[in-house]
Amino acid sequence: MTPSTLSAKNNPGLSPAKRINTIIAWAVITLAIIVTLLPFWWVIRTALSSQKSVIAHPESFLPVDFTTINFARVLGMTDKATAIAAGGSGQTINFWLYLRNSIIVVLLTVAGQTFFSSMAAYAFARMRFPLRNQIFFLYLAALMIPGIVTLIPNYLLIHRDLKWDNTFLGIVAPSLLMSPFAVFFMRQFFLGINHELEEAAALDGANIFTIFWRIIVPISGPPIATLSILTFVSTWNTYLWPFLVGNKENVRVLTVALAIFKSQTPQGAPDWTGLMAATLISILPTLLVFLFLGRRVVNSIQFTGFK
């Protein structure tokens, strides 16, 4: 029995038009779920198939010649001869090194952007200084500037002036301090915090930084956690900037490594099964984050302040 049928039975007073609208709504939702999950299933299906079979039977909706050797190849648990025998190209991914690099970049970016954006947001929300609102408006205008516009100036700064190319600092520099969205997001929360908390702390002799660190940060756990999660996901999936400034293997992140692995095709066809296995493993961190913390993200985005 479909959800639409249950809804209609539980609401016998619904008119025929409303019942039709309910059925259409459920059909649209079901179609949207299928469209969203189909590419993810195709990644799983390809990762669990053998290379030769998946090329011979591209129309199969289920894994062809089910195997898990693709994951073993990606994780470096097989030798080159075994990989070639399994239908792969023989190329390998230094998965653990690239995973380590991605984790370093993500942790640096999340820690820096969350901390500095929160301080900037608190300054815009509470401190009084000349042209505060005008400066904040100009700062928010950066939200309307596509990232590709600042790509070349950032690259020239990192590569030519600072000489930070092929370093973790060069990869995280453009997003380490703060972002317009992060400042706006945190400022909206800080505006809703009761002033009496800060006034009481000021009467006890606390300075502005002590108030921020000892009072504001502890009660701002939900929005800070949400900002950290959003920053984590966006940084983990970033490709273009790490590709430009971090092309050496010792700082190469996982997204760049996957693209290079795809291009290493001495036998002609890309190693799709190995690539999909590596891709599936690489998306597990973000999948787990949203699986366990997704509700907190939604609740915090809807939250408007501390009452």
Protein backbone atom coordinates (compact mmCIF):
# COMPACT_ATOMS: atom_id res chain seq x y z
CA MET A 1 0.00 0.00 0.00
CA THR A 2 1.48 3.33 -1.05
CA PRO A 3 1.87 6.36 1.28
CA SER A 4 -0.64 8.25 -0.85
CA THR A 5 -3.26 5.51 -0.34
CA LEU A 6 -2.67 5.51 3.40
CA SER A 7 -2.97 9.29 3.46
CA ALA A 8 -6.25 9.16 1.58
CA LYS A 9 -7.66 6.46 3.91
CA ASN A 10 -6.59 8.33 7.02
CA ASN A 11 -8.23 11.48 5.69
CA PRO A 12 -11.59 10.37 4.28
CA GLY A 13 -12.70 13.98 4.07
CA LEU A 14 -10.20 14.82 1.33
CA SER A 15 -11.76 15.94 -1.89
CA PRO A 16 -10.87 14.12 -5.14
CA ALA A 17 -8.75 17.07 -6.21
CA LYS A 18 -6.74 16.99 -2.99
CA ARG A 19 -6.28 13.23 -3.31
CA ILE A 20 -4.92 13.69 -6.80
CA ASN A 21 -2.57 16.41 -5.57
CA THR A 22 -1.36 14.09 -2.80
CA ILE A 23 -0.66 11.30 -5.27
CA ILE A 24 1.18 13.69 -7.58
CA ALA A 25 3.23 15.05 -4.68
CA TRP A 26 4.30 11.57 -3.59
CA ALA A 27 5.12 10.65 -7.19
CA VAL A 28 7.33 13.72 -7.56
CA ILE A 29 9.09 12.99 -4.25
CA THR A 30 9.66 9.36 -5.26
CA LEU A 31 11.04 10.43 -8.64
CA ALA A 32 13.37 12.96 -6.98
CA ILE A 33 14.69 10.27 -4.61
CA ILE A 34 15.33 7.89 -7.52
CA VAL A 35 17.12 10.58 -9.54
CA THR A 36 19.25 11.48 -6.53
CA LEU A 37 20.21 7.93 -5.55
CA LEU A 38 20.67 6.45 -9.03
CA PRO A 39 24.17 7.92 -9.63
CA PHE A 40 25.27 6.74 -6.18
CA TRP A 41 24.00 3.24 -6.93
CA TRP A 42 25.86 3.27 -10.24
CA VAL A 43 29.09 4.02 -8.37
CA ILE A 44 28.46 1.05 -6.06
CA ARG A 45 27.48 -1.21 -8.97
CA THR A 46 30.64 -0.35 -10.92
CA ALA A 47 32.91 -0.70 -7.88
CA LEU A 48 31.59 -4.21 -7.22
CA SER A 49 32.02 -5.38 -10.82
CA SER A 50 35.06 -6.69 -12.64
CA GLN A 51 36.62 -4.35 -15.20
CA LYS A 52 36.24 -6.69 -18.17
CA SER A 53 32.62 -7.58 -17.37
CA VAL A 54 31.47 -4.03 -16.74
CA ILE A 55 32.77 -3.01 -20.18
CA ALA A 56 31.20 -6.04 -21.83
CA HIS A 57 27.82 -5.49 -20.14
CA PRO A 58 27.35 -1.73 -19.63
CA GLU A 59 23.57 -2.09 -19.63
CA SER A 60 23.44 -4.27 -16.49
CA PHE A 61 21.80 -2.56 -13.56
CA LEU A 62 23.36 -4.98 -11.05
CA PRO A 63 27.06 -5.67 -10.40
CA VAL A 64 28.57 -7.84 -13.14
CA ASP A 65 30.75 -10.70 -11.86
CA PHE A 66 30.52 -9.49 -8.27
CA THR A 67 33.96 -8.88 -6.74
CA THR A 68 35.59 -6.82 -4.02
CA ILE A 69 39.09 -6.89 -5.47
CA ASN A 70 38.71 -3.30 -6.69
CA PHE A 71 38.72 -2.06 -3.10
CA ALA A 72 41.76 -4.21 -2.35
CA ARG A 73 43.56 -2.71 -5.36
CA VAL A 74 42.77 0.83 -4.28
CA LEU A 75 43.94 0.23 -0.71
CA GLY A 76 47.23 -1.25 -1.94
CA MET A 77 46.44 -4.79 -0.82
CA THR A 78 47.29 -6.41 -4.20
CA ASP A 79 50.33 -6.40 -6.43
CA LYS A 80 50.46 -5.02 -9.98
CA ALA A 81 50.13 -8.44 -11.65
CA THR A 82 46.96 -9.21 -9.69
CA ALA A 83 45.50 -5.80 -10.56
CA ILE A 84 46.13 -6.34 -14.28
CA ALA A 85 44.69 -9.85 -14.08
CA ALA A 86 41.55 -8.37 -12.51
CA GLY A 87 41.13 -6.14 -15.55
CA GLY A 88 42.66 -2.99 -14.10
CA SER A 89 45.27 -0.79 -15.70
CA GLY A 90 47.96 -1.75 -13.22
CA GLN A 91 48.18 1.81 -11.94
CA THR A 92 47.85 2.29 -8.20
CA ILE A 93 46.60 4.98 -5.86
CA ASN A 94 48.67 5.79 -2.80
CA PHE A 95 45.33 6.00 -1.05
CA TRP A 96 46.47 6.36 2.54
CA LEU A 97 48.90 9.18 1.71
CA TYR A 98 46.26 11.13 -0.21
CA LEU A 99 43.70 10.45 2.51
CA ARG A 100 46.15 11.85 5.08
CA ASN A 101 46.70 14.94 2.95
CA SER A 102 42.97 15.52 2.59
CA ILE A 103 42.46 15.18 6.34
CA ILE A 104 45.25 17.69 7.06
CA VAL A 105 43.79 20.22 4.62
CA VAL A 106 40.27 19.76 5.97
CA LEU A 107 41.27 20.04 9.63
CA LEU A 108 43.34 23.18 9.04
CA THR A 109 40.57 24.84 7.03
CA VAL A 110 37.77 23.90 9.42
CA ALA A 111 39.70 25.03 12.52
CA GLY A 112 40.91 28.29 11.00
CA GLN A 113 37.74 29.31 9.23
CA THR A 114 35.46 28.46 12.15
CA PHE A 115 37.59 30.32 14.70
CA PHE A 116 38.36 33.48 12.71
CA SER A 117 34.89 33.71 11.13
CA SER A 118 33.30 33.49 14.56
CA MET A 119 35.50 36.31 15.88
CA ALA A 120 34.73 38.49 12.85
CA ALA A 121 31.02 37.74 13.15
CA TYR A 122 31.03 38.67 16.84
CA ALA A 123 32.76 41.95 16.03
CA PHE A 124 30.11 42.82 13.45
CA ALA A 125 27.31 41.78 15.82
CA ARG A 126 28.45 43.49 19.04
CA MET A 127 31.31 45.94 18.61
CA ARG A 128 30.63 49.54 17.65
CA PHE A 129 33.06 51.11 15.20
CA PRO A 130 32.75 53.67 12.37
CA LEU A 131 31.08 52.43 9.15
CA ARG A 132 30.41 49.02 10.67
CA ASN A 133 27.24 48.34 8.68
CA GLN A 134 28.73 49.66 5.45
CA ILE A 135 31.82 47.47 5.84
CA PHE A 136 29.63 44.46 6.56
CA PHE A 137 27.57 45.19 3.46
CA LEU A 138 30.69 45.33 1.32
CA TYR A 139 31.90 42.16 2.92
CA LEU A 140 28.65 40.39 2.10
CA ALA A 141 28.96 41.60 -1.49
CA ALA A 142 31.74 39.03 -1.80
CA LEU A 143 29.00 36.38 -1.74
CA MET A 144 27.98 37.56 -5.20
CA ILE A 145 31.49 37.20 -6.64
CA PRO A 146 32.11 33.78 -8.24
CA GLY A 147 35.15 31.97 -6.90
CA ILE A 148 36.63 31.69 -10.39
CA VAL A 149 37.05 35.50 -10.45
CA THR A 150 39.52 35.43 -7.55
CA LEU A 151 41.27 32.27 -8.73
CA ILE A 152 44.01 33.97 -10.78
CA PRO A 153 44.84 36.70 -8.18
CA ASN A 154 45.01 34.05 -5.46
CA TYR A 155 47.23 31.85 -7.59
CA LEU A 156 49.62 34.71 -8.38
CA LEU A 157 49.78 35.61 -4.70
CA ILE A 158 50.49 32.05 -3.56
CA HIS A 159 52.78 31.02 -6.42
CA ARG A 160 54.71 34.18 -7.33
CA ASP A 161 54.70 36.35 -4.22
CA LEU A 162 54.54 33.98 -1.23
CA LYS A 163 56.15 30.91 -2.87
CA TRP A 164 53.68 28.65 -1.07
CA ASP A 165 52.87 26.33 -3.98
CA ASN A 166 53.06 22.60 -3.20
CA THR A 167 52.57 23.24 0.50
CA PHE A 168 49.60 22.64 2.77
CA LEU A 169 49.65 26.32 3.72
CA GLY A 170 49.27 27.32 0.08
CA ILE A 171 46.29 24.97 -0.33
CA VAL A 172 44.41 26.23 2.73
CA ALA A 173 45.43 29.92 2.57
CA PRO A 174 42.48 31.33 0.55
CA SER A 175 39.89 29.82 2.90
CA LEU A 176 41.84 29.58 6.17
CA LEU A 177 40.84 32.87 7.80
CA MET A 178 37.18 33.34 6.98
CA SER A 179 34.48 33.31 4.33
CA PRO A 180 31.56 35.72 3.75
CA PHE A 181 28.98 32.98 4.29
CA ALA A 182 30.60 31.83 7.55
CA VAL A 183 30.68 35.37 8.94
CA PHE A 184 27.08 36.05 7.92
CA PHE A 185 25.89 32.72 9.35
CA MET A 186 27.54 33.24 12.74
CA ARG A 187 26.59 36.93 12.96
CA GLN A 188 22.91 36.03 12.64
CA PHE A 189 23.22 33.76 15.65
CA PHE A 190 25.21 36.25 17.74
CA LEU A 191 22.59 38.95 17.15
CA GLY A 192 20.05 36.78 18.96
CA ILE A 193 22.11 36.29 22.12
CA ASN A 194 20.83 38.11 25.18
CA HIS A 195 22.93 41.22 25.90
CA GLU A 196 22.54 40.74 29.64
CA LEU A 197 24.98 37.83 29.61
CA GLU A 198 27.74 40.02 28.21
CA GLU A 199 26.85 43.00 30.37
CA ALA A 200 27.10 40.88 33.51
CA ALA A 201 30.50 39.59 32.44
CA ALA A 202 31.69 43.13 31.65
CA LEU A 203 30.65 44.28 35.13
CA ASP A 204 32.84 41.50 36.55
CA GLY A 205 35.82 42.94 34.68
CA ALA A 206 35.91 40.63 31.63
CA ASN A 207 37.34 42.13 28.45
CA ILE A 208 35.84 41.65 24.99
CA PHE A 209 37.93 38.59 24.12
CA THR A 210 37.23 36.92 27.49
CA ILE A 211 33.50 37.47 26.96
CA PHE A 212 33.72 35.96 23.51
CA TRP A 213 35.85 32.96 24.52
CA ARG A 214 34.36 32.14 27.93
CA ILE A 215 30.68 32.98 27.34
CA ILE A 216 29.75 33.30 23.67
CA VAL A 217 31.66 30.29 22.30
CA PRO A 218 30.29 27.76 24.85
CA ILE A 219 26.65 28.70 24.12
CA SER A 220 27.29 28.76 20.36
CA GLY A 221 27.98 25.06 20.05
CA PRO A 222 25.19 24.18 17.56
CA PRO A 223 25.95 26.88 14.95
CA ILE A 224 29.71 26.36 15.30
CA ALA A 225 29.24 22.63 14.78
CA THR A 226 27.05 23.29 11.74
CA LEU A 227 29.59 25.69 10.24
CA SER A 228 32.33 23.11 10.84
CA ILE A 229 30.33 20.41 9.08
CA LEU A 230 29.53 22.59 6.07
CA THR A 231 33.15 23.72 5.81
CA PHE A 232 34.31 20.12 6.11
CA VAL A 233 32.11 18.93 3.25
CA SER A 234 32.97 21.80 0.89
CA THR A 235 36.71 21.52 1.59
CA TRP A 236 36.74 17.73 1.25
CA ASN A 237 35.16 17.96 -2.22
CA THR A 238 37.31 20.84 -3.52
CA TYR A 239 39.31 19.97 -6.62
CA LEU A 240 40.43 22.93 -8.74
CA TRP A 241 42.45 24.95 -6.22
CA PRO A 242 44.34 21.94 -4.72
CA PHE A 243 45.04 20.81 -8.28
CA LEU A 244 46.64 24.17 -9.16
CA VAL A 245 48.82 24.69 -6.10
CA GLY A 246 49.31 21.16 -4.73
CA ASN A 247 50.29 18.91 -7.63
CA LYS A 248 53.20 17.20 -5.89
CA GLU A 249 52.48 13.82 -4.36
CA ASN A 250 53.45 14.75 -0.81
CA VAL A 251 50.61 17.32 -0.62
CA ARG A 252 48.20 15.91 -3.23
CA VAL A 253 44.66 15.55 -1.89
CA LEU A 254 42.32 12.69 -2.66
CA THR A 255 40.11 14.48 -5.20
CA VAL A 256 43.15 15.41 -7.30
CA ALA A 257 44.58 11.90 -6.97
CA LEU A 258 41.36 10.37 -8.30
CA ALA A 259 41.45 12.59 -11.39
CA ILE A 260 45.09 11.67 -12.06
CA PHE A 261 44.30 7.99 -11.57
CA LYS A 262 41.55 8.24 -14.18
CA SER A 263 43.98 9.77 -16.70
CA GLN A 264 46.55 6.98 -16.23
CA THR A 265 45.18 4.58 -18.84
CA PRO A 266 48.03 2.84 -20.64
CA GLN A 267 45.64 0.12 -21.85
CA GLY A 268 43.21 2.56 -23.43
CA ALA A 269 40.00 2.44 -21.39
CA PRO A 270 39.95 4.11 -17.94
CA ASP A 271 40.02 1.80 -14.94
CA TRP A 272 36.40 2.56 -14.09
CA THR A 273 36.03 -0.13 -11.44
CA GLY A 274 39.11 0.98 -9.52
CA LEU A 275 38.12 4.62 -9.87
CA MET A 276 34.59 3.98 -8.58
CA ALA A 277 35.94 1.92 -5.67
CA ALA A 278 38.28 4.77 -4.70
CA THR A 279 35.48 7.29 -5.14
CA LEU A 280 33.15 5.26 -2.94
CA ILE A 281 35.74 5.10 -0.17
CA SER A 282 36.50 8.81 -0.49
CA ILE A 283 32.87 9.86 -0.04
CA LEU A 284 32.38 7.76 3.09
CA PRO A 285 33.58 10.53 5.47
CA THR A 286 31.04 13.06 4.17
CA LEU A 287 28.35 10.39 4.07
CA LEU A 288 28.98 9.48 7.70
CA VAL A 289 29.01 13.14 8.73
CA PHE A 290 25.57 13.75 7.25
CA LEU A 291 24.25 10.41 8.47
CA PHE A 292 25.04 11.15 12.11
CA LEU A 293 24.98 14.97 12.16
CA GLY A 294 22.58 15.87 9.35
CA ARG A 295 19.73 16.67 11.72
CA ARG A 296 21.95 19.08 13.66
CA VAL A 297 22.80 20.89 10.43
CA VAL A 298 19.14 21.37 9.52
CA ASN A 299 18.13 22.42 13.02
CA SER A 300 20.97 24.92 13.34
CA ILE A 301 20.31 26.52 9.98
CA GLN A 302 16.67 27.02 11.01
CA PHE A 303 17.73 28.35 14.43
CA THR A 304 17.62 32.14 14.57
CA GLY A 305 19.13 32.93 17.96
CA PHE A 306 19.55 32.21 21.65
CA LYS A 307 16.55 33.13 23.74
